[in-house]
Amino acid sequence: MSDLKKIAVMVSGSGSNLQAIMDHPLLQKKLEICGVISNQPEALALGRARNSGIPGIYFSSKKVEYEPLILEQLGEWQVDLVVLAGFMRVLSQDFIERCPAPIINLHPSLLPAYKGLNTHGRVIASGDRLHGCSVHAVTPVLDDGQLISQSLLEVSKGDTAQTLQTRVQSLEHRLLCDVLIQFAQDRLSFTQDRWELDGGHTSLPTRFYAPA
């Protein structure tokens, strides 16, 4: 019987964070990606998954039975964790409560700041000195669940929304893999509706990366 942790990844776009997970040598030994789910039929993430021998499944979010079908699929896979990595749909409270495994989300800001979309442009417009990304528990309130870990960087004077997006994306890859390593090694666990690290801590340390 395999002792690998089983995850499903939900994504709407290119899947660069999915690729980071698939390429990580330690996670290759500790995790099984049971499947990749997208609400976009042409999402590059589906091709990345299929090219690696992982089921890549499209469910149309325009259909009424969209969420029940995903829940059914997650149940069949018997996953231990659902990872939202650029999944651009808000999940209903019913979905979150019925999901057979806890759900985490990767968000491109230092939550609780800049919930929602266009985070990089809003940071530039506000003149903030620091920016980054967060992994948090998914709840019915958008981008409002328990913070699990964050990575941050300094905003450079010449940054635009596009350059900032590129720089933060490199943080996302490292941060998400870092969190998944802790999960795969049973150092990060979900009990009684809370994520806890060994020793009772409720979050991983913030990771600081100097500007490139």
N, C-alpha and C. Protein backbone atom coordinates (compact mmCIF):
# COMPACT_ATOMS: atom_id res chain seq x y z
N MET A 1 0.85 -1.20 0.00
CA MET A 1 0.00 0.00 0.00
C MET A 1 0.88 1.25 0.00
N SER A 2 0.60 2.18 -0.90
CA SER A 2 1.42 3.38 -1.03
C SER A 2 1.21 4.31 0.15
N ASP A 3 2.31 4.93 0.61
CA ASP A 3 2.21 5.91 1.68
C ASP A 3 2.34 7.32 1.14
N LEU A 4 2.23 7.47 -0.19
CA LEU A 4 2.30 8.79 -0.81
C LEU A 4 1.05 9.59 -0.46
N LYS A 5 1.23 10.88 -0.23
CA LYS A 5 0.09 11.77 -0.08
C LYS A 5 -0.52 12.01 -1.46
N LYS A 6 -1.84 11.99 -1.52
CA LYS A 6 -2.54 12.12 -2.79
C LYS A 6 -3.19 13.49 -2.89
N ILE A 7 -2.88 14.21 -3.97
CA ILE A 7 -3.45 15.54 -4.15
C ILE A 7 -4.10 15.66 -5.53
N ALA A 8 -5.02 16.61 -5.62
CA ALA A 8 -5.57 17.04 -6.90
C ALA A 8 -5.28 18.52 -7.04
N VAL A 9 -4.96 18.94 -8.25
CA VAL A 9 -4.64 20.34 -8.52
C VAL A 9 -5.71 20.91 -9.44
N MET A 10 -6.27 22.05 -9.05
CA MET A 10 -7.28 22.72 -9.87
C MET A 10 -6.68 24.02 -10.39
N VAL A 11 -6.79 24.23 -11.70
CA VAL A 11 -6.10 25.35 -12.34
C VAL A 11 -6.89 25.80 -13.57
N SER A 12 -6.77 27.08 -13.90
CA SER A 12 -7.49 27.61 -15.06
C SER A 12 -6.57 28.00 -16.21
N GLY A 13 -5.27 28.14 -15.95
CA GLY A 13 -4.39 28.69 -16.96
C GLY A 13 -3.25 27.78 -17.37
N SER A 14 -2.05 28.39 -17.42
CA SER A 14 -0.90 27.69 -18.00
C SER A 14 -0.37 26.57 -17.12
N GLY A 15 -0.53 26.68 -15.82
CA GLY A 15 -0.09 25.61 -14.93
C GLY A 15 1.38 25.64 -14.59
N SER A 16 1.98 26.82 -14.50
CA SER A 16 3.40 26.87 -14.15
C SER A 16 3.63 26.38 -12.73
N ASN A 17 2.70 26.64 -11.84
CA ASN A 17 2.84 26.13 -10.47
C ASN A 17 2.67 24.61 -10.44
N LEU A 18 1.77 24.10 -11.25
CA LEU A 18 1.63 22.64 -11.39
C LEU A 18 2.95 22.04 -11.86
N GLN A 19 3.58 22.69 -12.84
CA GLN A 19 4.84 22.17 -13.36
C GLN A 19 5.92 22.18 -12.29
N ALA A 20 5.92 23.22 -11.45
CA ALA A 20 6.90 23.29 -10.37
C ALA A 20 6.72 22.11 -9.41
N ILE A 21 5.48 21.75 -9.13
CA ILE A 21 5.22 20.60 -8.26
C ILE A 21 5.71 19.32 -8.92
N MET A 22 5.37 19.14 -10.20
CA MET A 22 5.73 17.91 -10.91
C MET A 22 7.25 17.77 -11.04
N ASP A 23 7.96 18.90 -11.14
CA ASP A 23 9.40 18.85 -11.35
C ASP A 23 10.20 18.74 -10.07
N HIS A 24 9.57 18.98 -8.92
CA HIS A 24 10.33 19.01 -7.67
C HIS A 24 10.77 17.59 -7.29
N PRO A 25 12.07 17.35 -7.15
CA PRO A 25 12.54 15.98 -6.92
C PRO A 25 12.02 15.35 -5.64
N LEU A 26 11.90 16.13 -4.58
CA LEU A 26 11.40 15.55 -3.33
C LEU A 26 9.92 15.24 -3.42
N LEU A 27 9.16 16.14 -4.02
CA LEU A 27 7.71 15.91 -4.15
C LEU A 27 7.42 14.74 -5.08
N GLN A 28 8.30 14.49 -6.04
CA GLN A 28 8.12 13.32 -6.91
C GLN A 28 8.13 12.03 -6.10
N LYS A 29 8.85 12.04 -4.99
CA LYS A 29 8.96 10.85 -4.15
C LYS A 29 7.88 10.80 -3.08
N LYS A 30 7.30 11.95 -2.72
CA LYS A 30 6.42 12.03 -1.57
C LYS A 30 4.95 12.24 -1.92
N LEU A 31 4.67 12.73 -3.13
CA LEU A 31 3.29 13.07 -3.51
C LEU A 31 2.86 12.28 -4.74
N GLU A 32 1.59 12.00 -4.78
CA GLU A 32 0.97 11.49 -6.01
C GLU A 32 -0.07 12.50 -6.46
N ILE A 33 0.13 13.07 -7.64
CA ILE A 33 -0.89 13.95 -8.21
C ILE A 33 -1.90 13.06 -8.92
N CYS A 34 -3.06 12.90 -8.32
CA CYS A 34 -4.07 11.99 -8.86
C CYS A 34 -4.69 12.53 -10.14
N GLY A 35 -4.76 13.85 -10.23
CA GLY A 35 -5.36 14.43 -11.42
C GLY A 35 -5.34 15.94 -11.36
N VAL A 36 -5.55 16.54 -12.53
CA VAL A 36 -5.61 17.99 -12.68
C VAL A 36 -6.97 18.34 -13.25
N ILE A 37 -7.63 19.30 -12.62
CA ILE A 37 -8.98 19.71 -13.04
C ILE A 37 -8.93 21.16 -13.48
N SER A 38 -9.56 21.45 -14.61
CA SER A 38 -9.63 22.83 -15.09
C SER A 38 -11.04 23.16 -15.55
N ASN A 39 -11.38 24.44 -15.44
CA ASN A 39 -12.65 24.93 -15.96
C ASN A 39 -12.47 25.55 -17.34
N GLN A 40 -11.27 25.43 -17.89
CA GLN A 40 -10.98 25.95 -19.22
C GLN A 40 -10.51 24.80 -20.12
N PRO A 41 -11.22 24.53 -21.21
CA PRO A 41 -10.88 23.36 -22.03
C PRO A 41 -9.52 23.45 -22.69
N GLU A 42 -9.02 24.66 -22.95
CA GLU A 42 -7.74 24.83 -23.62
C GLU A 42 -6.62 25.19 -22.65
N ALA A 43 -6.84 25.02 -21.36
CA ALA A 43 -5.81 25.36 -20.38
C ALA A 43 -4.54 24.55 -20.65
N LEU A 44 -3.42 25.24 -20.70
CA LEU A 44 -2.14 24.56 -20.94
C LEU A 44 -1.82 23.57 -19.82
N ALA A 45 -2.37 23.83 -18.64
CA ALA A 45 -2.13 22.93 -17.50
C ALA A 45 -2.61 21.52 -17.81
N LEU A 46 -3.69 21.39 -18.54
CA LEU A 46 -4.20 20.06 -18.88
C LEU A 46 -3.20 19.30 -19.74
N GLY A 47 -2.57 20.01 -20.68
CA GLY A 47 -1.55 19.38 -21.50
C GLY A 47 -0.33 18.99 -20.70
N ARG A 48 0.07 19.85 -19.77
CA ARG A 48 1.21 19.52 -18.91
C ARG A 48 0.93 18.22 -18.15
N ALA A 49 -0.28 18.13 -17.62
CA ALA A 49 -0.63 16.94 -16.85
C ALA A 49 -0.62 15.70 -17.73
N ARG A 50 -1.29 15.76 -18.85
CA ARG A 50 -1.40 14.58 -19.72
C ARG A 50 -0.04 14.15 -20.25
N ASN A 51 0.83 15.12 -20.53
CA ASN A 51 2.18 14.79 -21.00
C ASN A 51 2.99 14.06 -19.94
N SER A 52 2.58 14.22 -18.68
CA SER A 52 3.27 13.54 -17.58
C SER A 52 2.53 12.29 -17.12
N GLY A 53 1.52 11.90 -17.88
CA GLY A 53 0.76 10.70 -17.53
C GLY A 53 -0.24 10.89 -16.41
N ILE A 54 -0.61 12.15 -16.14
CA ILE A 54 -1.56 12.47 -15.08
C ILE A 54 -2.91 12.82 -15.73
N PRO A 55 -4.01 12.30 -15.24
CA PRO A 55 -5.31 12.66 -15.81
C PRO A 55 -5.55 14.16 -15.76
N GLY A 56 -5.91 14.73 -16.89
CA GLY A 56 -6.27 16.14 -16.97
C GLY A 56 -7.71 16.25 -17.43
N ILE A 57 -8.58 16.78 -16.57
CA ILE A 57 -10.02 16.72 -16.83
C ILE A 57 -10.61 18.13 -16.86
N TYR A 58 -11.43 18.37 -17.85
CA TYR A 58 -12.12 19.65 -18.00
C TYR A 58 -13.57 19.50 -17.58
N PHE A 59 -14.02 20.41 -16.71
CA PHE A 59 -15.42 20.50 -16.33
C PHE A 59 -15.90 21.91 -16.64
N SER A 60 -16.93 22.04 -17.43
CA SER A 60 -17.44 23.36 -17.79
C SER A 60 -18.14 24.02 -16.61
N SER A 61 -17.64 25.18 -16.20
CA SER A 61 -18.25 25.90 -15.09
C SER A 61 -19.57 26.56 -15.48
N LYS A 62 -19.97 26.43 -16.74
CA LYS A 62 -21.24 26.98 -17.19
C LYS A 62 -22.39 26.01 -16.93
N LYS A 63 -22.07 24.79 -16.57
CA LYS A 63 -23.11 23.79 -16.35
C LYS A 63 -23.52 23.74 -14.87
N VAL A 64 -24.79 23.48 -14.63
CA VAL A 64 -25.32 23.47 -13.27
C VAL A 64 -24.63 22.40 -12.43
N GLU A 65 -24.33 21.25 -13.03
CA GLU A 65 -23.78 20.12 -12.28
C GLU A 65 -22.26 20.18 -12.15
N TYR A 66 -21.67 21.32 -12.48
CA TYR A 66 -20.22 21.50 -12.49
C TYR A 66 -19.57 21.11 -11.16
N GLU A 67 -19.99 21.70 -10.07
CA GLU A 67 -19.36 21.40 -8.78
C GLU A 67 -19.63 19.97 -8.31
N PRO A 68 -20.86 19.45 -8.41
CA PRO A 68 -21.07 18.04 -8.02
C PRO A 68 -20.21 17.07 -8.80
N LEU A 69 -19.96 17.35 -10.07
CA LEU A 69 -19.11 16.46 -10.87
C LEU A 69 -17.67 16.47 -10.37
N ILE A 70 -17.19 17.65 -10.00
CA ILE A 70 -15.83 17.74 -9.46
C ILE A 70 -15.75 17.01 -8.13
N LEU A 71 -16.74 17.20 -7.27
CA LEU A 71 -16.75 16.51 -5.98
C LEU A 71 -16.74 14.99 -6.17
N GLU A 72 -17.51 14.53 -7.14
CA GLU A 72 -17.55 13.09 -7.42
C GLU A 72 -16.17 12.60 -7.85
N GLN A 73 -15.51 13.38 -8.71
CA GLN A 73 -14.19 12.98 -9.19
C GLN A 73 -13.17 12.98 -8.05
N LEU A 74 -13.20 13.98 -7.21
CA LEU A 74 -12.27 14.04 -6.07
C LEU A 74 -12.49 12.86 -5.13
N GLY A 75 -13.76 12.48 -4.96
CA GLY A 75 -14.06 11.33 -4.13
C GLY A 75 -13.51 10.04 -4.72
N GLU A 76 -13.60 9.90 -6.04
CA GLU A 76 -13.07 8.70 -6.69
C GLU A 76 -11.54 8.63 -6.54
N TRP A 77 -10.90 9.77 -6.60
CA TRP A 77 -9.43 9.79 -6.46
C TRP A 77 -8.99 9.58 -5.01
N GLN A 78 -9.88 9.81 -4.06
CA GLN A 78 -9.57 9.67 -2.63
C GLN A 78 -8.38 10.54 -2.24
N VAL A 79 -8.46 11.79 -2.59
CA VAL A 79 -7.34 12.70 -2.37
C VAL A 79 -7.24 13.11 -0.89
N ASP A 80 -6.02 13.45 -0.49
CA ASP A 80 -5.77 13.96 0.85
C ASP A 80 -5.79 15.48 0.90
N LEU A 81 -5.66 16.12 -0.27
CA LEU A 81 -5.58 17.57 -0.32
C LEU A 81 -5.96 18.04 -1.72
N VAL A 82 -6.67 19.17 -1.77
CA VAL A 82 -6.99 19.82 -3.04
C VAL A 82 -6.23 21.15 -3.08
N VAL A 83 -5.49 21.37 -4.17
CA VAL A 83 -4.66 22.55 -4.31
C VAL A 83 -5.21 23.42 -5.43
N LEU A 84 -5.59 24.65 -5.10
CA LEU A 84 -6.00 25.62 -6.11
C LEU A 84 -4.77 26.42 -6.51
N ALA A 85 -4.32 26.25 -7.74
CA ALA A 85 -3.11 26.91 -8.21
C ALA A 85 -3.44 27.72 -9.46
N GLY A 86 -4.06 28.88 -9.24
CA GLY A 86 -4.52 29.67 -10.37
C GLY A 86 -5.86 29.22 -10.89
N PHE A 87 -6.72 28.77 -10.00
CA PHE A 87 -8.08 28.37 -10.38
C PHE A 87 -8.97 29.59 -10.25
N MET A 88 -9.45 30.11 -11.39
CA MET A 88 -10.10 31.42 -11.43
C MET A 88 -11.62 31.33 -11.35
N ARG A 89 -12.09 30.52 -10.43
CA ARG A 89 -13.51 30.46 -10.13
C ARG A 89 -13.69 30.41 -8.63
N VAL A 90 -14.72 31.09 -8.13
CA VAL A 90 -15.03 31.06 -6.70
C VAL A 90 -15.87 29.82 -6.42
N LEU A 91 -15.42 29.01 -5.50
CA LEU A 91 -16.14 27.80 -5.14
C LEU A 91 -17.22 28.11 -4.12
N SER A 92 -18.34 27.41 -4.23
CA SER A 92 -19.47 27.67 -3.34
C SER A 92 -19.21 27.12 -1.94
N GLN A 93 -19.97 27.62 -0.99
CA GLN A 93 -19.88 27.10 0.38
C GLN A 93 -20.23 25.62 0.41
N ASP A 94 -21.21 25.22 -0.37
CA ASP A 94 -21.60 23.82 -0.41
C ASP A 94 -20.44 22.94 -0.88
N PHE A 95 -19.73 23.39 -1.91
CA PHE A 95 -18.59 22.63 -2.42
C PHE A 95 -17.52 22.49 -1.34
N ILE A 96 -17.18 23.59 -0.70
CA ILE A 96 -16.12 23.59 0.30
C ILE A 96 -16.48 22.68 1.47
N GLU A 97 -17.73 22.73 1.90
CA GLU A 97 -18.15 21.92 3.04
C GLU A 97 -18.24 20.44 2.69
N ARG A 98 -18.54 20.12 1.44
CA ARG A 98 -18.69 18.72 1.03
C ARG A 98 -17.41 18.12 0.46
N CYS A 99 -16.41 18.93 0.24
CA CYS A 99 -15.18 18.43 -0.36
C CYS A 99 -14.57 17.33 0.52
N PRO A 100 -14.13 16.22 -0.06
CA PRO A 100 -13.62 15.10 0.74
C PRO A 100 -12.24 15.34 1.33
N ALA A 101 -11.62 16.48 1.03
CA ALA A 101 -10.29 16.80 1.56
C ALA A 101 -10.20 18.31 1.77
N PRO A 102 -9.30 18.76 2.64
CA PRO A 102 -9.11 20.21 2.81
C PRO A 102 -8.62 20.84 1.51
N ILE A 103 -8.89 22.12 1.36
CA ILE A 103 -8.52 22.86 0.15
C ILE A 103 -7.60 24.01 0.54
N ILE A 104 -6.50 24.16 -0.20
CA ILE A 104 -5.64 25.32 -0.02
C ILE A 104 -5.57 26.09 -1.33
N ASN A 105 -5.25 27.37 -1.23
CA ASN A 105 -5.19 28.24 -2.40
C ASN A 105 -3.88 29.02 -2.39
N LEU A 106 -3.32 29.21 -3.57
CA LEU A 106 -2.15 30.06 -3.75
C LEU A 106 -2.62 31.40 -4.30
N HIS A 107 -2.35 32.49 -3.56
CA HIS A 107 -2.85 33.81 -3.96
C HIS A 107 -1.69 34.77 -4.15
N PRO A 108 -1.69 35.58 -5.23
CA PRO A 108 -0.56 36.46 -5.52
C PRO A 108 -0.61 37.81 -4.80
N SER A 109 -0.64 37.77 -3.50
CA SER A 109 -0.48 38.98 -2.68
C SER A 109 -0.14 38.56 -1.27
N LEU A 110 0.24 39.53 -0.46
CA LEU A 110 0.48 39.28 0.95
C LEU A 110 -0.83 39.49 1.69
N LEU A 111 -1.64 38.45 1.71
CA LEU A 111 -2.93 38.53 2.40
C LEU A 111 -2.70 38.91 3.86
N PRO A 112 -3.63 39.66 4.44
CA PRO A 112 -4.97 40.00 3.94
C PRO A 112 -5.04 41.17 2.96
N ALA A 113 -3.92 41.69 2.53
CA ALA A 113 -3.94 42.78 1.55
C ALA A 113 -4.24 42.24 0.15
N TYR A 114 -4.97 43.02 -0.61
CA TYR A 114 -5.20 42.77 -2.03
C TYR A 114 -5.83 41.41 -2.30
N LYS A 115 -6.99 41.20 -1.72
CA LYS A 115 -7.77 40.03 -2.08
C LYS A 115 -8.35 40.24 -3.48
N GLY A 116 -8.67 39.14 -4.15
CA GLY A 116 -9.29 39.25 -5.46
C GLY A 116 -8.29 39.35 -6.59
N LEU A 117 -8.66 40.06 -7.65
CA LEU A 117 -7.89 40.08 -8.90
C LEU A 117 -6.98 41.30 -9.00
N ASN A 118 -6.14 41.29 -10.05
CA ASN A 118 -5.26 42.40 -10.41
C ASN A 118 -4.40 42.86 -9.24
N THR A 119 -3.84 41.93 -8.52
CA THR A 119 -3.08 42.28 -7.32
C THR A 119 -1.82 43.07 -7.65
N HIS A 120 -1.14 42.70 -8.73
CA HIS A 120 0.14 43.35 -9.04
C HIS A 120 -0.07 44.81 -9.45
N GLY A 121 -1.06 45.06 -10.27
CA GLY A 121 -1.36 46.43 -10.67
C GLY A 121 -1.78 47.28 -9.49
N ARG A 122 -2.51 46.70 -8.57
CA ARG A 122 -2.96 47.46 -7.40
C ARG A 122 -1.79 47.78 -6.48
N VAL A 123 -0.83 46.86 -6.38
CA VAL A 123 0.36 47.13 -5.58
C VAL A 123 1.17 48.28 -6.18
N ILE A 124 1.35 48.25 -7.50
CA ILE A 124 2.07 49.34 -8.17
C ILE A 124 1.36 50.66 -7.97
N ALA A 125 0.04 50.68 -8.13
CA ALA A 125 -0.73 51.91 -7.98
C ALA A 125 -0.67 52.46 -6.57
N SER A 126 -0.54 51.58 -5.58
CA SER A 126 -0.52 52.01 -4.18
C SER A 126 0.88 52.42 -3.71
N GLY A 127 1.89 52.09 -4.50
CA GLY A 127 3.25 52.44 -4.11
C GLY A 127 3.79 51.62 -2.96
N ASP A 128 3.28 50.41 -2.78
CA ASP A 128 3.74 49.56 -1.69
C ASP A 128 5.20 49.15 -1.90
N ARG A 129 5.92 49.00 -0.81
CA ARG A 129 7.33 48.61 -0.88
C ARG A 129 7.50 47.10 -0.93
N LEU A 130 6.55 46.37 -0.33
CA LEU A 130 6.64 44.92 -0.27
C LEU A 130 5.45 44.28 -0.98
N HIS A 131 5.71 43.14 -1.57
CA HIS A 131 4.67 42.37 -2.26
C HIS A 131 5.06 40.90 -2.15
N GLY A 132 4.18 40.02 -2.57
CA GLY A 132 4.52 38.61 -2.49
C GLY A 132 3.33 37.72 -2.78
N CYS A 133 3.30 36.58 -2.12
CA CYS A 133 2.24 35.60 -2.36
C CYS A 133 1.96 34.85 -1.07
N SER A 134 0.79 34.23 -1.02
CA SER A 134 0.33 33.55 0.19
C SER A 134 -0.30 32.21 -0.17
N VAL A 135 -0.13 31.25 0.72
CA VAL A 135 -0.90 30.01 0.67
C VAL A 135 -1.83 30.03 1.87
N HIS A 136 -3.11 29.81 1.63
CA HIS A 136 -4.09 29.90 2.71
C HIS A 136 -5.16 28.82 2.56
N ALA A 137 -5.83 28.55 3.67
CA ALA A 137 -6.96 27.63 3.65
C ALA A 137 -8.14 28.28 2.93
N VAL A 138 -8.88 27.47 2.20
CA VAL A 138 -10.03 27.98 1.45
C VAL A 138 -11.28 27.88 2.32
N THR A 139 -12.00 29.00 2.40
CA THR A 139 -13.27 29.08 3.11
C THR A 139 -14.30 29.72 2.17
N PRO A 140 -15.57 29.77 2.57
CA PRO A 140 -16.56 30.40 1.70
C PRO A 140 -16.33 31.89 1.45
N VAL A 141 -15.51 32.54 2.30
CA VAL A 141 -15.21 33.96 2.10
C VAL A 141 -13.95 34.07 1.24
N LEU A 142 -14.01 34.85 0.18
CA LEU A 142 -12.93 34.92 -0.80
C LEU A 142 -11.61 35.35 -0.17
N ASP A 143 -10.57 34.54 -0.36
CA ASP A 143 -9.20 34.84 0.07
C ASP A 143 -9.12 35.22 1.55
N ASP A 144 -9.91 34.55 2.37
CA ASP A 144 -10.04 34.96 3.77
C ASP A 144 -9.70 33.85 4.75
N GLY A 145 -9.26 32.69 4.27
CA GLY A 145 -8.99 31.58 5.17
C GLY A 145 -7.67 31.73 5.91
N GLN A 146 -7.44 30.82 6.82
CA GLN A 146 -6.23 30.81 7.63
C GLN A 146 -4.98 30.87 6.76
N LEU A 147 -4.07 31.79 7.07
CA LEU A 147 -2.80 31.87 6.38
C LEU A 147 -1.92 30.69 6.80
N ILE A 148 -1.34 30.03 5.83
CA ILE A 148 -0.45 28.91 6.10
C ILE A 148 1.01 29.34 5.95
N SER A 149 1.31 30.06 4.88
CA SER A 149 2.67 30.57 4.68
C SER A 149 2.66 31.67 3.64
N GLN A 150 3.70 32.52 3.68
CA GLN A 150 3.84 33.61 2.72
C GLN A 150 5.30 33.76 2.29
N SER A 151 5.49 34.29 1.10
CA SER A 151 6.80 34.71 0.62
C SER A 151 6.70 36.16 0.18
N LEU A 152 7.76 36.92 0.38
CA LEU A 152 7.70 38.33 0.02
C LEU A 152 8.98 38.80 -0.63
N LEU A 153 8.85 39.92 -1.36
CA LEU A 153 9.99 40.55 -2.00
C LEU A 153 9.80 42.05 -1.95
N GLU A 154 10.87 42.77 -2.26
CA GLU A 154 10.80 44.22 -2.34
C GLU A 154 10.40 44.64 -3.74
N VAL A 155 9.50 45.60 -3.83
CA VAL A 155 9.10 46.14 -5.12
C VAL A 155 10.18 47.10 -5.58
N SER A 156 10.69 46.89 -6.79
CA SER A 156 11.74 47.75 -7.35
C SER A 156 11.13 49.00 -7.97
N LYS A 157 11.92 50.06 -8.06
CA LYS A 157 11.42 51.32 -8.61
C LYS A 157 10.95 51.16 -10.05
N GLY A 158 11.61 50.31 -10.80
CA GLY A 158 11.25 50.15 -12.21
C GLY A 158 10.19 49.10 -12.47
N ASP A 159 9.65 48.50 -11.43
CA ASP A 159 8.67 47.44 -11.63
C ASP A 159 7.39 47.96 -12.27
N THR A 160 6.84 47.15 -13.16
CA THR A 160 5.49 47.34 -13.69
C THR A 160 4.64 46.18 -13.19
N ALA A 161 3.37 46.22 -13.47
CA ALA A 161 2.51 45.11 -13.07
C ALA A 161 2.99 43.80 -13.70
N GLN A 162 3.49 43.87 -14.94
CA GLN A 162 3.94 42.66 -15.63
C GLN A 162 5.24 42.12 -15.03
N THR A 163 6.21 43.01 -14.80
CA THR A 163 7.47 42.52 -14.22
C THR A 163 7.25 42.00 -12.81
N LEU A 164 6.35 42.65 -12.08
CA LEU A 164 6.06 42.20 -10.72
C LEU A 164 5.38 40.84 -10.74
N GLN A 165 4.49 40.64 -11.68
CA GLN A 165 3.84 39.34 -11.82
C GLN A 165 4.87 38.24 -12.06
N THR A 166 5.83 38.52 -12.94
CA THR A 166 6.87 37.53 -13.25
C THR A 166 7.71 37.22 -12.03
N ARG A 167 8.08 38.24 -11.29
CA ARG A 167 8.93 38.05 -10.11
C ARG A 167 8.17 37.31 -9.00
N VAL A 168 6.92 37.67 -8.80
CA VAL A 168 6.14 36.99 -7.77
C VAL A 168 5.87 35.54 -8.17
N GLN A 169 5.72 35.29 -9.44
CA GLN A 169 5.46 33.92 -9.89
C GLN A 169 6.60 32.99 -9.49
N SER A 170 7.84 33.48 -9.54
CA SER A 170 8.96 32.65 -9.12
C SER A 170 8.87 32.34 -7.62
N LEU A 171 8.34 33.29 -6.84
CA LEU A 171 8.10 33.03 -5.42
C LEU A 171 7.02 31.99 -5.23
N GLU A 172 5.97 32.08 -6.04
CA GLU A 172 4.85 31.14 -5.93
C GLU A 172 5.33 29.70 -6.07
N HIS A 173 6.19 29.47 -7.04
CA HIS A 173 6.68 28.10 -7.27
C HIS A 173 7.37 27.56 -6.03
N ARG A 174 8.24 28.37 -5.43
CA ARG A 174 8.98 27.92 -4.25
C ARG A 174 8.08 27.78 -3.04
N LEU A 175 7.18 28.75 -2.87
CA LEU A 175 6.31 28.73 -1.69
C LEU A 175 5.38 27.53 -1.70
N LEU A 176 4.72 27.29 -2.83
CA LEU A 176 3.77 26.19 -2.90
C LEU A 176 4.48 24.85 -2.68
N CYS A 177 5.64 24.68 -3.29
CA CYS A 177 6.39 23.44 -3.08
C CYS A 177 6.82 23.30 -1.63
N ASP A 178 7.21 24.40 -1.02
CA ASP A 178 7.61 24.38 0.39
C ASP A 178 6.47 23.89 1.27
N VAL A 179 5.28 24.44 1.06
CA VAL A 179 4.12 24.02 1.84
C VAL A 179 3.80 22.55 1.60
N LEU A 180 3.85 22.12 0.35
CA LEU A 180 3.53 20.73 0.03
C LEU A 180 4.56 19.76 0.59
N ILE A 181 5.80 20.18 0.68
CA ILE A 181 6.81 19.33 1.31
C ILE A 181 6.47 19.10 2.78
N GLN A 182 6.09 20.18 3.48
CA GLN A 182 5.71 20.04 4.89
C GLN A 182 4.50 19.11 5.03
N PHE A 183 3.55 19.23 4.11
CA PHE A 183 2.37 18.38 4.14
C PHE A 183 2.74 16.93 3.86
N ALA A 184 3.56 16.71 2.85
CA ALA A 184 3.95 15.35 2.47
C ALA A 184 4.75 14.65 3.56
N GLN A 185 5.49 15.43 4.33
CA GLN A 185 6.30 14.86 5.40
C GLN A 185 5.56 14.79 6.74
N ASP A 186 4.26 15.05 6.70
CA ASP A 186 3.40 15.00 7.89
C ASP A 186 3.81 16.01 8.95
N ARG A 187 4.45 17.08 8.54
CA ARG A 187 4.80 18.16 9.47
C ARG A 187 3.71 19.23 9.48
N LEU A 188 2.90 19.25 8.44
CA LEU A 188 1.78 20.19 8.34
C LEU A 188 0.51 19.36 8.19
N SER A 189 -0.43 19.54 9.11
CA SER A 189 -1.62 18.70 9.10
C SER A 189 -2.87 19.53 9.36
N PHE A 190 -3.99 18.97 8.93
CA PHE A 190 -5.27 19.65 9.06
C PHE A 190 -6.10 18.90 10.08
N THR A 191 -6.36 19.53 11.22
CA THR A 191 -7.16 18.91 12.29
C THR A 191 -8.12 19.92 12.88
N GLN A 192 -9.34 19.48 13.08
CA GLN A 192 -10.36 20.33 13.70
C GLN A 192 -10.47 21.69 13.01
N ASP A 193 -10.50 21.64 11.68
CA ASP A 193 -10.69 22.84 10.85
C ASP A 193 -9.55 23.83 10.94
N ARG A 194 -8.36 23.39 11.35
CA ARG A 194 -7.20 24.27 11.41
C ARG A 194 -5.97 23.54 10.86
N TRP A 195 -5.12 24.30 10.20
CA TRP A 195 -3.82 23.78 9.80
C TRP A 195 -2.83 24.00 10.92
N GLU A 196 -2.05 22.99 11.24
CA GLU A 196 -1.06 23.11 12.30
C GLU A 196 0.26 22.49 11.86
N LEU A 197 1.34 23.15 12.24
CA LEU A 197 2.68 22.64 12.02
C LEU A 197 3.11 21.91 13.27
N ASP A 198 4.10 21.02 13.13
CA ASP A 198 4.64 20.34 14.30
C ASP A 198 4.92 21.32 15.42
N GLY A 199 4.51 20.98 16.62
CA GLY A 199 4.72 21.87 17.75
C GLY A 199 3.54 22.78 18.02
N GLY A 200 2.47 22.65 17.22
CA GLY A 200 1.27 23.42 17.47
C GLY A 200 1.22 24.77 16.78
N HIS A 201 2.24 25.13 16.00
CA HIS A 201 2.22 26.39 15.29
C HIS A 201 1.15 26.34 14.19
N THR A 202 0.53 27.48 13.93
CA THR A 202 -0.56 27.51 12.95
C THR A 202 -0.13 28.08 11.61
N SER A 203 1.16 28.35 11.41
CA SER A 203 1.62 28.81 10.11
C SER A 203 3.11 28.54 9.97
N LEU A 204 3.55 28.45 8.72
CA LEU A 204 4.97 28.33 8.43
C LEU A 204 5.60 29.71 8.45
N PRO A 205 6.91 29.79 8.62
CA PRO A 205 7.57 31.10 8.63
C PRO A 205 7.43 31.82 7.30
N THR A 206 7.39 33.15 7.36
CA THR A 206 7.42 33.94 6.14
C THR A 206 8.79 33.81 5.47
N ARG A 207 8.80 33.64 4.17
CA ARG A 207 10.05 33.52 3.43
C ARG A 207 10.34 34.85 2.75
N PHE A 208 11.52 35.39 2.99
CA PHE A 208 11.90 36.66 2.36
C PHE A 208 12.94 36.39 1.29
N TYR A 209 12.69 36.92 0.09
CA TYR A 209 13.65 36.81 -0.99
C TYR A 209 14.02 38.20 -1.47
N ALA A 210 15.30 38.47 -1.55
CA ALA A 210 15.76 39.78 -2.02
C ALA A 210 15.38 39.96 -3.48
N PRO A 211 15.27 41.20 -3.94
CA PRO A 211 14.91 41.43 -5.34
C PRO A 211 15.93 40.84 -6.27
N ALA A 212 15.46 40.32 -7.39
CA ALA A 212 16.37 39.71 -8.37
C ALA A 212 17.22 40.78 -9.05
